[in-house]
Amino acid sequence: MSKREPIYKVIFLNQGQVYEMYAKQIFQSDLWGFLEVEEFVFGERTQVVVDPSEEKLKAQFDGVVRSFLPMNSIIRIDEVERLGTPKISEAKGGGNVMPFPMPMPDK
């Protein structure tokens, strides 16, 4: 019996949006406070229907070998059996988690 390669679903915040991505490699970075994510996985183009959210992610991460995600932006990481559809959604407020303080932009 061959051992299958794990696939991880990584959910993280990026500029007010929630990204749900799939990757084959995740590990603690040598850069303090960051998580390294490598080998992003996207669905094959065998379907007639194209998801614009997934296409936007493919274009955004095209040519990216490794991403360094700040630990405070990570919402959840799951090891999954099947590849799902990567997507971007708007972050909804009202939770009990306080966002990391950011400097105020100059007007």
PDB file of N, CA and C in Angstrom:
ATOM      1  N   MET A   1       0.840  -1.176   0.000  1.00  0.00           N
ATOM      2  CA  MET A   1       0.000   0.000   0.000  1.00  0.00           C
ATOM      3  C   MET A   1       0.887   1.241   0.000  1.00  0.00           C
ATOM      4  N   SER A   2       0.693   2.127  -0.970  1.00  0.00           N
ATOM      5  CA  SER A   2       1.511   3.328  -1.051  1.00  0.00           C
ATOM      6  C   SER A   2       0.928   4.424  -0.171  1.00  0.00           C
ATOM      7  N   LYS A   3       1.811   5.186   0.398  1.00  0.00           N
ATOM      8  CA  LYS A   3       1.371   6.277   1.271  1.00  0.00           C
ATOM      9  C   LYS A   3       1.058   7.499   0.407  1.00  0.00           C
ATOM     10  N   ARG A   4      -0.112   8.085   0.622  1.00  0.00           N
ATOM     11  CA  ARG A   4      -0.498   9.242  -0.167  1.00  0.00           C
ATOM     12  C   ARG A   4       0.197  10.494   0.363  1.00  0.00           C
ATOM     13  N   GLU A   5       0.412  11.428  -0.519  1.00  0.00           N
ATOM     14  CA  GLU A   5       1.022  12.693  -0.141  1.00  0.00           C
ATOM     15  C   GLU A   5      -0.037  13.576   0.506  1.00  0.00           C
ATOM     16  N   PRO A   6       0.232  14.136   1.688  1.00  0.00           N
ATOM     17  CA  PRO A   6      -0.797  14.939   2.367  1.00  0.00           C
ATOM     18  C   PRO A   6      -1.066  16.249   1.626  1.00  0.00           C
ATOM     19  N   ILE A   7      -2.309  16.697   1.728  1.00  0.00           N
ATOM     20  CA  ILE A   7      -2.725  17.992   1.202  1.00  0.00           C
ATOM     21  C   ILE A   7      -3.291  18.783   2.381  1.00  0.00           C
ATOM     22  N   TYR A   8      -2.871  20.037   2.492  1.00  0.00           N
ATOM     23  CA  TYR A   8      -3.301  20.875   3.592  1.00  0.00           C
ATOM     24  C   TYR A   8      -4.184  22.016   3.077  1.00  0.00           C
ATOM     25  N   LYS A   9      -5.278  22.248   3.790  1.00  0.00           N
ATOM     26  CA  LYS A   9      -6.129  23.402   3.513  1.00  0.00           C
ATOM     27  C   LYS A   9      -5.703  24.489   4.491  1.00  0.00           C
ATOM     28  N   VAL A  10      -5.255  25.620   3.953  1.00  0.00           N
ATOM     29  CA  VAL A  10      -4.783  26.740   4.764  1.00  0.00           C
ATOM     30  C   VAL A  10      -5.761  27.887   4.592  1.00  0.00           C
ATOM     31  N   ILE A  11      -6.317  28.358   5.699  1.00  0.00           N
ATOM     32  CA  ILE A  11      -7.244  29.487   5.677  1.00  0.00           C
ATOM     33  C   ILE A  11      -6.564  30.636   6.422  1.00  0.00           C
ATOM     34  N   PHE A  12      -6.433  31.786   5.734  1.00  0.00           N
ATOM     35  CA  PHE A  12      -5.743  32.916   6.341  1.00  0.00           C
ATOM     36  C   PHE A  12      -6.344  34.231   5.869  1.00  0.00           C
ATOM     37  N   LEU A  13      -6.097  35.289   6.645  1.00  0.00           N
ATOM     38  CA  LEU A  13      -6.563  36.634   6.327  1.00  0.00           C
ATOM     39  C   LEU A  13      -5.502  37.366   5.516  1.00  0.00           C
ATOM     40  N   ASN A  14      -5.964  38.108   4.498  1.00  0.00           N
ATOM     41  CA  ASN A  14      -5.058  38.921   3.701  1.00  0.00           C
ATOM     42  C   ASN A  14      -5.816  40.155   3.221  1.00  0.00           C
ATOM     43  N   GLN A  15      -5.466  41.320   3.740  1.00  0.00           N
ATOM     44  CA  GLN A  15      -6.041  42.598   3.358  1.00  0.00           C
ATOM     45  C   GLN A  15      -7.568  42.592   3.381  1.00  0.00           C
ATOM     46  N   GLY A  16      -8.143  42.145   4.478  1.00  0.00           N
ATOM     47  CA  GLY A  16      -9.590  42.164   4.672  1.00  0.00           C
ATOM     48  C   GLY A  16     -10.346  41.054   3.972  1.00  0.00           C
ATOM     49  N   GLN A  17      -9.620  40.090   3.413  1.00  0.00           N
ATOM     50  CA  GLN A  17     -10.261  38.965   2.756  1.00  0.00           C
ATOM     51  C   GLN A  17      -9.757  37.658   3.353  1.00  0.00           C
ATOM     52  N   VAL A  18     -10.606  36.628   3.285  1.00  0.00           N
ATOM     53  CA  VAL A  18     -10.242  35.307   3.773  1.00  0.00           C
ATOM     54  C   VAL A  18      -9.858  34.447   2.568  1.00  0.00           C
ATOM     55  N   TYR A  19      -8.634  33.962   2.586  1.00  0.00           N
ATOM     56  CA  TYR A  19      -8.132  33.097   1.518  1.00  0.00           C
ATOM     57  C   TYR A  19      -8.197  31.654   1.998  1.00  0.00           C
ATOM     58  N   GLU A  20      -8.719  30.781   1.160  1.00  0.00           N
ATOM     59  CA  GLU A  20      -8.738  29.343   1.432  1.00  0.00           C
ATOM     60  C   GLU A  20      -7.936  28.687   0.313  1.00  0.00           C
ATOM     61  N   MET A  21      -6.754  28.187   0.663  1.00  0.00           N
ATOM     62  CA  MET A  21      -5.820  27.649  -0.324  1.00  0.00           C
ATOM     63  C   MET A  21      -5.443  26.216   0.054  1.00  0.00           C
ATOM     64  N   TYR A  22      -4.929  25.493  -0.923  1.00  0.00           N
ATOM     65  CA  TYR A  22      -4.475  24.123  -0.707  1.00  0.00           C
ATOM     66  C   TYR A  22      -2.999  24.040  -1.062  1.00  0.00           C
ATOM     67  N   ALA A  23      -2.222  23.326  -0.225  1.00  0.00           N
ATOM     68  CA  ALA A  23      -0.782  23.216  -0.446  1.00  0.00           C
ATOM     69  C   ALA A  23      -0.294  21.846  -0.013  1.00  0.00           C
ATOM     70  N   LYS A  24       0.866  21.470  -0.532  1.00  0.00           N
ATOM     71  CA  LYS A  24       1.465  20.178  -0.187  1.00  0.00           C
ATOM     72  C   LYS A  24       2.487  20.277   0.933  1.00  0.00           C
ATOM     73  N   GLN A  25       3.067  21.443   1.131  1.00  0.00           N
ATOM     74  CA  GLN A  25       4.113  21.615   2.144  1.00  0.00           C
ATOM     75  C   GLN A  25       3.806  22.822   3.028  1.00  0.00           C
ATOM     76  N   ILE A  26       3.845  22.606   4.344  1.00  0.00           N
ATOM     77  CA  ILE A  26       3.677  23.690   5.320  1.00  0.00           C
ATOM     78  C   ILE A  26       4.647  23.430   6.459  1.00  0.00           C
ATOM     79  N   PHE A  27       5.398  24.463   6.845  1.00  0.00           N
ATOM     80  CA  PHE A  27       6.303  24.296   7.974  1.00  0.00           C
ATOM     81  C   PHE A  27       6.657  25.639   8.592  1.00  0.00           C
ATOM     82  N   GLN A  28       7.183  25.578   9.809  1.00  0.00           N
ATOM     83  CA  GLN A  28       7.612  26.761  10.542  1.00  0.00           C
ATOM     84  C   GLN A  28       8.791  27.389   9.810  1.00  0.00           C
ATOM     85  N   SER A  29       8.740  28.684   9.623  1.00  0.00           N
ATOM     86  CA  SER A  29       9.793  29.394   8.900  1.00  0.00           C
ATOM     87  C   SER A  29      10.952  29.726   9.821  1.00  0.00           C
ATOM     88  N   ASP A  30      12.117  29.941   9.216  1.00  0.00           N
ATOM     89  CA  ASP A  30      13.256  30.458   9.961  1.00  0.00           C
ATOM     90  C   ASP A  30      13.064  31.940  10.284  1.00  0.00           C
ATOM     91  N   LEU A  31      12.168  32.598   9.537  1.00  0.00           N
ATOM     92  CA  LEU A  31      11.799  33.976   9.853  1.00  0.00           C
ATOM     93  C   LEU A  31      10.832  33.931  11.032  1.00  0.00           C
ATOM     94  N   TRP A  32      11.193  34.546  12.120  1.00  0.00           N
ATOM     95  CA  TRP A  32      10.393  34.466  13.332  1.00  0.00           C
ATOM     96  C   TRP A  32       8.989  35.000  13.091  1.00  0.00           C
ATOM     97  N   GLY A  33       7.974  34.213  13.493  1.00  0.00           N
ATOM     98  CA  GLY A  33       6.580  34.634  13.405  1.00  0.00           C
ATOM     99  C   GLY A  33       5.901  34.335  12.081  1.00  0.00           C
ATOM    100  N   PHE A  34       6.559  33.583  11.210  1.00  0.00           N
ATOM    101  CA  PHE A  34       5.991  33.274   9.900  1.00  0.00           C
ATOM    102  C   PHE A  34       5.875  31.768   9.691  1.00  0.00           C
ATOM    103  N   LEU A  35       4.935  31.400   8.858  1.00  0.00           N
ATOM    104  CA  LEU A  35       4.723  30.022   8.439  1.00  0.00           C
ATOM    105  C   LEU A  35       5.005  29.964   6.941  1.00  0.00           C
ATOM    106  N   GLU A  36       5.750  28.950   6.507  1.00  0.00           N
ATOM    107  CA  GLU A  36       6.066  28.807   5.086  1.00  0.00           C
ATOM    108  C   GLU A  36       5.081  27.850   4.444  1.00  0.00           C
ATOM    109  N   VAL A  37       4.548  28.250   3.302  1.00  0.00           N
ATOM    110  CA  VAL A  37       3.607  27.425   2.553  1.00  0.00           C
ATOM    111  C   VAL A  37       4.179  27.271   1.145  1.00  0.00           C
ATOM    112  N   GLU A  38       4.320  26.011   0.711  1.00  0.00           N
ATOM    113  CA  GLU A  38       4.900  25.720  -0.601  1.00  0.00           C
ATOM    114  C   GLU A  38       4.007  24.776  -1.387  1.00  0.00           C
ATOM    115  N   GLU A  39       4.211  24.747  -2.679  1.00  0.00           N
ATOM    116  CA  GLU A  39       3.527  23.837  -3.600  1.00  0.00           C
ATOM    117  C   GLU A  39       2.006  23.971  -3.519  1.00  0.00           C
ATOM    118  N   PHE A  40       1.528  25.164  -3.871  1.00  0.00           N
ATOM    119  CA  PHE A  40       0.081  25.383  -3.909  1.00  0.00           C
ATOM    120  C   PHE A  40      -0.542  24.441  -4.931  1.00  0.00           C
ATOM    121  N   VAL A  41      -1.745  23.957  -4.607  1.00  0.00           N
ATOM    122  CA  VAL A  41      -2.448  23.016  -5.475  1.00  0.00           C
ATOM    123  C   VAL A  41      -3.753  23.663  -5.928  1.00  0.00           C
ATOM    124  N   PHE A  42      -3.978  23.630  -7.229  1.00  0.00           N
ATOM    125  CA  PHE A  42      -5.217  24.143  -7.807  1.00  0.00           C
ATOM    126  C   PHE A  42      -5.883  23.018  -8.576  1.00  0.00           C
ATOM    127  N   GLY A  43      -7.209  23.105  -8.748  1.00  0.00           N
ATOM    128  CA  GLY A  43      -7.952  22.093  -9.489  1.00  0.00           C
ATOM    129  C   GLY A  43      -7.558  22.088 -10.963  1.00  0.00           C
ATOM    130  N   GLU A  44      -7.776  20.972 -11.598  1.00  0.00           N
ATOM    131  CA  GLU A  44      -7.485  20.857 -13.025  1.00  0.00           C
ATOM    132  C   GLU A  44      -8.589  21.540 -13.822  1.00  0.00           C
ATOM    133  N   ARG A  45      -8.285  21.943 -15.024  1.00  0.00           N
ATOM    134  CA  ARG A  45      -9.262  22.614 -15.886  1.00  0.00           C
ATOM    135  C   ARG A  45     -10.047  21.597 -16.710  1.00  0.00           C
ATOM    136  N   THR A  46     -10.575  20.586 -16.073  1.00  0.00           N
ATOM    137  CA  THR A  46     -11.351  19.581 -16.784  1.00  0.00           C
ATOM    138  C   THR A  46     -12.830  19.922 -16.798  1.00  0.00           C
ATOM    139  N   GLN A  47     -13.231  20.891 -15.998  1.00  0.00           N
ATOM    140  CA  GLN A  47     -14.634  21.255 -15.925  1.00  0.00           C
ATOM    141  C   GLN A  47     -14.933  22.378 -16.915  1.00  0.00           C
ATOM    142  N   VAL A  48     -16.149  22.408 -17.403  1.00  0.00           N
ATOM    143  CA  VAL A  48     -16.573  23.466 -18.309  1.00  0.00           C
ATOM    144  C   VAL A  48     -16.775  24.767 -17.537  1.00  0.00           C
ATOM    145  N   VAL A  49     -17.300  24.674 -16.324  1.00  0.00           N
ATOM    146  CA  VAL A  49     -17.551  25.852 -15.503  1.00  0.00           C
ATOM    147  C   VAL A  49     -16.241  26.275 -14.839  1.00  0.00           C
ATOM    148  N   VAL A  50     -15.897  27.554 -14.984  1.00  0.00           N
ATOM    149  CA  VAL A  50     -14.669  28.092 -14.410  1.00  0.00           C
ATOM    150  C   VAL A  50     -15.045  28.987 -13.242  1.00  0.00           C
ATOM    151  N   ASP A  51     -14.414  28.753 -12.087  1.00  0.00           N
ATOM    152  CA  ASP A  51     -14.669  29.561 -10.898  1.00  0.00           C
ATOM    153  C   ASP A  51     -13.774  30.801 -10.957  1.00  0.00           C
ATOM    154  N   PRO A  52     -14.359  32.016 -11.045  1.00  0.00           N
ATOM    155  CA  PRO A  52     -13.534  33.225 -11.150  1.00  0.00           C
ATOM    156  C   PRO A  52     -12.641  33.452  -9.930  1.00  0.00           C
ATOM    157  N   SER A  53     -13.109  33.041  -8.748  1.00  0.00           N
ATOM    158  CA  SER A  53     -12.310  33.191  -7.539  1.00  0.00           C
ATOM    159  C   SER A  53     -11.048  32.338  -7.621  1.00  0.00           C
ATOM    160  N   GLU A  54     -11.199  31.099  -8.096  1.00  0.00           N
ATOM    161  CA  GLU A  54     -10.036  30.218  -8.221  1.00  0.00           C
ATOM    162  C   GLU A  54      -9.082  30.742  -9.296  1.00  0.00           C
ATOM    163  N   GLU A  55      -9.629  31.264 -10.384  1.00  0.00           N
ATOM    164  CA  GLU A  55      -8.786  31.814 -11.452  1.00  0.00           C
ATOM    165  C   GLU A  55      -7.999  33.030 -10.952  1.00  0.00           C
ATOM    166  N   LYS A  56      -8.630  33.850 -10.105  1.00  0.00           N
ATOM    167  CA  LYS A  56      -7.949  35.015  -9.531  1.00  0.00           C
ATOM    168  C   LYS A  56      -6.787  34.554  -8.645  1.00  0.00           C
ATOM    169  N   LEU A  57      -7.019  33.511  -7.855  1.00  0.00           N
ATOM    170  CA  LEU A  57      -5.953  32.977  -7.006  1.00  0.00           C
ATOM    171  C   LEU A  57      -4.818  32.392  -7.836  1.00  0.00           C
ATOM    172  N   LYS A  58      -5.161  31.655  -8.894  1.00  0.00           N
ATOM    173  CA  LYS A  58      -4.132  31.090  -9.773  1.00  0.00           C
ATOM    174  C   LYS A  58      -3.261  32.190 -10.348  1.00  0.00           C
ATOM    175  N   ALA A  59      -3.896  33.264 -10.811  1.00  0.00           N
ATOM    176  CA  ALA A  59      -3.144  34.374 -11.389  1.00  0.00           C
ATOM    177  C   ALA A  59      -2.291  35.073 -10.332  1.00  0.00           C
ATOM    178  N   GLN A  60      -2.841  35.247  -9.142  1.00  0.00           N
ATOM    179  CA  GLN A  60      -2.123  35.940  -8.073  1.00  0.00           C
ATOM    180  C   GLN A  60      -0.919  35.142  -7.594  1.00  0.00           C
ATOM    181  N   PHE A  61      -1.029  33.818  -7.562  1.00  0.00           N
ATOM    182  CA  PHE A  61       0.054  32.979  -7.060  1.00  0.00           C
ATOM    183  C   PHE A  61       0.853  32.304  -8.174  1.00  0.00           C
ATOM    184  N   ASP A  62       0.657  32.745  -9.406  1.00  0.00           N
ATOM    185  CA  ASP A  62       1.406  32.200 -10.530  1.00  0.00           C
ATOM    186  C   ASP A  62       2.884  32.545 -10.365  1.00  0.00           C
ATOM    187  N   GLY A  63       3.737  31.548 -10.408  1.00  0.00           N
ATOM    188  CA  GLY A  63       5.172  31.759 -10.269  1.00  0.00           C
ATOM    189  C   GLY A  63       5.661  31.842  -8.831  1.00  0.00           C
ATOM    190  N   VAL A  64       4.753  31.758  -7.862  1.00  0.00           N
ATOM    191  CA  VAL A  64       5.153  31.810  -6.451  1.00  0.00           C
ATOM    192  C   VAL A  64       5.671  30.437  -6.036  1.00  0.00           C
ATOM    193  N   VAL A  65       6.898  30.401  -5.570  1.00  0.00           N
ATOM    194  CA  VAL A  65       7.500  29.152  -5.120  1.00  0.00           C
ATOM    195  C   VAL A  65       7.150  28.894  -3.656  1.00  0.00           C
ATOM    196  N   ARG A  66       7.184  29.961  -2.854  1.00  0.00           N
ATOM    197  CA  ARG A  66       6.962  29.828  -1.409  1.00  0.00           C
ATOM    198  C   ARG A  66       6.339  31.110  -0.903  1.00  0.00           C
ATOM    199  N   SER A  67       5.358  30.979  -0.012  1.00  0.00           N
ATOM    200  CA  SER A  67       4.754  32.146   0.639  1.00  0.00           C
ATOM    201  C   SER A  67       5.077  32.101   2.120  1.00  0.00           C
ATOM    202  N   PHE A  68       5.362  33.264   2.682  1.00  0.00           N
ATOM    203  CA  PHE A  68       5.596  33.404   4.107  1.00  0.00           C
ATOM    204  C   PHE A  68       4.380  34.107   4.688  1.00  0.00           C
ATOM    205  N   LEU A  69       3.597  33.383   5.473  1.00  0.00           N
ATOM    206  CA  LEU A  69       2.376  33.943   6.062  1.00  0.00           C
ATOM    207  C   LEU A  69       2.623  34.278   7.525  1.00  0.00           C
ATOM    208  N   PRO A  70       2.248  35.490   7.956  1.00  0.00           N
ATOM    209  CA  PRO A  70       2.394  35.833   9.371  1.00  0.00           C
ATOM    210  C   PRO A  70       1.493  34.932  10.226  1.00  0.00           C
ATOM    211  N   MET A  71       2.023  34.491  11.347  1.00  0.00           N
ATOM    212  CA  MET A  71       1.260  33.594  12.230  1.00  0.00           C
ATOM    213  C   MET A  71      -0.075  34.199  12.638  1.00  0.00           C
ATOM    214  N   ASN A  72      -0.127  35.520  12.839  1.00  0.00           N
ATOM    215  CA  ASN A  72      -1.370  36.135  13.303  1.00  0.00           C
ATOM    216  C   ASN A  72      -2.423  36.214  12.203  1.00  0.00           C
ATOM    217  N   SER A  73      -2.072  35.898  10.949  1.00  0.00           N
ATOM    218  CA  SER A  73      -3.072  35.916   9.877  1.00  0.00           C
ATOM    219  C   SER A  73      -3.694  34.540   9.643  1.00  0.00           C
ATOM    220  N   ILE A  74      -3.091  33.504  10.224  1.00  0.00           N
ATOM    221  CA  ILE A  74      -3.586  32.139  10.038  1.00  0.00           C
ATOM    222  C   ILE A  74      -4.861  31.944  10.846  1.00  0.00           C
ATOM    223  N   ILE A  75      -5.911  31.461  10.179  1.00  0.00           N
ATOM    224  CA  ILE A  75      -7.158  31.147  10.862  1.00  0.00           C
ATOM    225  C   ILE A  75      -7.196  29.669  11.207  1.00  0.00           C
ATOM    226  N   ARG A  76      -6.846  28.827  10.227  1.00  0.00           N
ATOM    227  CA  ARG A  76      -6.941  27.386  10.449  1.00  0.00           C
ATOM    228  C   ARG A  76      -6.129  26.637   9.389  1.00  0.00           C
ATOM    229  N   ILE A  77      -5.589  25.482   9.783  1.00  0.00           N
ATOM    230  CA  ILE A  77      -4.900  24.585   8.853  1.00  0.00           C
ATOM    231  C   ILE A  77      -5.435  23.187   9.103  1.00  0.00           C
ATOM    232  N   ASP A  78      -5.897  22.528   8.035  1.00  0.00           N
ATOM    233  CA  ASP A  78      -6.414  21.161   8.122  1.00  0.00           C
ATOM    234  C   ASP A  78      -5.671  20.288   7.125  1.00  0.00           C
ATOM    235  N   GLU A  79      -5.372  19.044   7.519  1.00  0.00           N
ATOM    236  CA  GLU A  79      -4.910  18.063   6.550  1.00  0.00           C
ATOM    237  C   GLU A  79      -6.158  17.407   5.995  1.00  0.00           C
ATOM    238  N   VAL A  80      -6.326  17.434   4.679  1.00  0.00           N
ATOM    239  CA  VAL A  80      -7.550  16.950   4.051  1.00  0.00           C
ATOM    240  C   VAL A  80      -7.272  15.759   3.151  1.00  0.00           C
ATOM    241  N   GLU A  81      -8.308  14.968   2.905  1.00  0.00           N
ATOM    242  CA  GLU A  81      -8.178  13.801   2.038  1.00  0.00           C
ATOM    243  C   GLU A  81      -8.358  14.169   0.579  1.00  0.00           C
ATOM    244  N   ARG A  82      -9.205  15.180   0.315  1.00  0.00           N
ATOM    245  CA  ARG A  82      -9.499  15.567  -1.066  1.00  0.00           C
ATOM    246  C   ARG A  82      -9.236  17.052  -1.267  1.00  0.00           C
ATOM    247  N   LEU A  83      -8.856  17.370  -2.482  1.00  0.00           N
ATOM    248  CA  LEU A  83      -8.636  18.755  -2.864  1.00  0.00           C
ATOM    249  C   LEU A  83      -9.981  19.442  -3.055  1.00  0.00           C
ATOM    250  N   GLY A  84     -10.143  20.591  -2.422  1.00  0.00           N
ATOM    251  CA  GLY A  84     -11.350  21.379  -2.605  1.00  0.00           C
ATOM    252  C   GLY A  84     -11.080  22.522  -3.567  1.00  0.00           C
ATOM    253  N   THR A  85     -11.986  23.464  -3.627  1.00  0.00           N
ATOM    254  CA  THR A  85     -11.833  24.612  -4.509  1.00  0.00           C
ATOM    255  C   THR A  85     -11.238  25.778  -3.734  1.00  0.00           C
ATOM    256  N   PRO A  86     -10.071  26.260  -4.139  1.00  0.00           N
ATOM    257  CA  PRO A  86      -9.509  27.449  -3.489  1.00  0.00           C
ATOM    258  C   PRO A  86     -10.439  28.639  -3.722  1.00  0.00           C
ATOM    259  N   LYS A  87     -10.530  29.520  -2.730  1.00  0.00           N
ATOM    260  CA  LYS A  87     -11.442  30.653  -2.898  1.00  0.00           C
ATOM    261  C   LYS A  87     -11.035  31.827  -2.029  1.00  0.00           C
ATOM    262  N   ILE A  88     -11.591  32.979  -2.388  1.00  0.00           N
ATOM    263  CA  ILE A  88     -11.412  34.209  -1.626  1.00  0.00           C
ATOM    264  C   ILE A  88     -12.796  34.686  -1.232  1.00  0.00           C
ATOM    265  N   SER A  89     -12.960  35.058   0.027  1.00  0.00           N
ATOM    266  CA  SER A  89     -14.233  35.618   0.471  1.00  0.00           C
ATOM    267  C   SER A  89     -13.954  36.812   1.370  1.00  0.00           C
ATOM    268  N   GLU A  90     -14.944  37.656   1.515  1.00  0.00           N
ATOM    269  CA  GLU A  90     -14.793  38.833   2.366  1.00  0.00           C
ATOM    270  C   GLU A  90     -14.813  38.414   3.829  1.00  0.00           C
ATOM    271  N   ALA A  91     -13.937  39.010   4.620  1.00  0.00           N
ATOM    272  CA  ALA A  91     -13.912  38.743   6.057  1.00  0.00           C
ATOM    273  C   ALA A  91     -15.110  39.432   6.684  1.00  0.00           C
ATOM    274  N   LYS A  92     -15.843  38.701   7.478  1.00  0.00           N
ATOM    275  CA  LYS A  92     -17.012  39.257   8.146  1.00  0.00           C
ATOM    276  C   LYS A  92     -16.622  39.657   9.561  1.00  0.00           C
ATOM    277  N   GLY A  93     -17.012  40.843   9.961  1.00  0.00           N
ATOM    278  CA  GLY A  93     -16.712  41.334  11.303  1.00  0.00           C
ATOM    279  C   GLY A  93     -17.683  40.765  12.318  1.00  0.00           C
ATOM    280  N   GLY A  94     -17.573  41.228  13.519  1.00  0.00           N
ATOM    281  CA  GLY A  94     -18.508  40.827  14.558  1.00  0.00           C
ATOM    282  C   GLY A  94     -18.010  39.680  15.419  1.00  0.00           C
ATOM    283  N   GLY A  95     -16.827  39.169  15.126  1.00  0.00           N
ATOM    284  CA  GLY A  95     -16.281  38.089  15.938  1.00  0.00           C
ATOM    285  C   GLY A  95     -15.644  38.625  17.204  1.00  0.00           C
ATOM    286  N   ASN A  96     -15.093  37.761  17.987  1.00  0.00           N
ATOM    287  CA  ASN A  96     -14.463  38.194  19.221  1.00  0.00           C
ATOM    288  C   ASN A  96     -12.941  38.250  19.088  1.00  0.00           C
ATOM    289  N   VAL A  97     -12.422  38.254  17.851  1.00  0.00           N
ATOM    290  CA  VAL A  97     -10.990  38.336  17.625  1.00  0.00           C
ATOM    291  C   VAL A  97     -10.643  39.750  17.196  1.00  0.00           C
ATOM    292  N   MET A  98      -9.720  40.354  17.895  1.00  0.00           N
ATOM    293  CA  MET A  98      -9.294  41.715  17.586  1.00  0.00           C
ATOM    294  C   MET A  98      -8.219  41.668  16.513  1.00  0.00           C
ATOM    295  N   PRO A  99      -8.350  42.440  15.424  1.00  0.00           N
ATOM    296  CA  PRO A  99      -7.316  42.440  14.396  1.00  0.00           C
ATOM    297  C   PRO A  99      -6.019  43.046  14.920  1.00  0.00           C
ATOM    298  N   PHE A 100      -4.919  42.624  14.338  1.00  0.00           N
ATOM    299  CA  PHE A 100      -3.612  43.144  14.711  1.00  0.00           C
ATOM    300  C   PHE A 100      -3.567  44.630  14.387  1.00  0.00           C
ATOM    301  N   PRO A 101      -3.081  45.479  15.303  1.00  0.00           N
ATOM    302  CA  PRO A 101      -3.077  46.926  15.047  1.00  0.00           C
ATOM    303  C   PRO A 101      -2.191  47.265  13.845  1.00  0.00           C
ATOM    304  N   MET A 102      -2.717  48.121  12.991  1.00  0.00           N
ATOM    305  CA  MET A 102      -1.978  48.570  11.815  1.00  0.00           C
ATOM    306  C   MET A 102      -1.834  50.098  11.900  1.00  0.00           C
ATOM    307  N   PRO A 103      -0.764  50.644  11.341  1.00  0.00           N
ATOM    308  CA  PRO A 103      -0.641  52.105  11.368  1.00  0.00           C
ATOM    309  C   PRO A 103      -1.729  52.762  10.528  1.00  0.00           C
ATOM    310  N   MET A 104      -2.155  53.925  10.954  1.00  0.00           N
ATOM    311  CA  MET A 104      -3.188  54.667  10.235  1.00  0.00           C
ATOM    312  C   MET A 104      -2.569  55.295   8.976  1.00  0.00           C
ATOM    313  N   PRO A 105      -3.247  55.172   7.841  1.00  0.00           N
ATOM    314  CA  PRO A 105      -2.699  55.782   6.623  1.00  0.00           C
ATOM    315  C   PRO A 105      -2.764  57.301   6.684  1.00  0.00           C
ATOM    316  N   ASP A 106      -1.770  57.950   6.079  1.00  0.00           N
ATOM    317  CA  ASP A 106      -1.768  59.420   6.003  1.00  0.00           C
ATOM    318  C   ASP A 106      -2.782  59.866   4.972  1.00  0.00           C
ATOM    319  N   LYS A 107      -3.449  60.966   5.250  1.00  0.00           N
ATOM    320  CA  LYS A 107      -4.442  61.474   4.297  1.00  0.00           C
ATOM    321  C   LYS A 107      -3.828  62.407   3.306  1.00  0.00           C
TER     322      LYS A 107
END
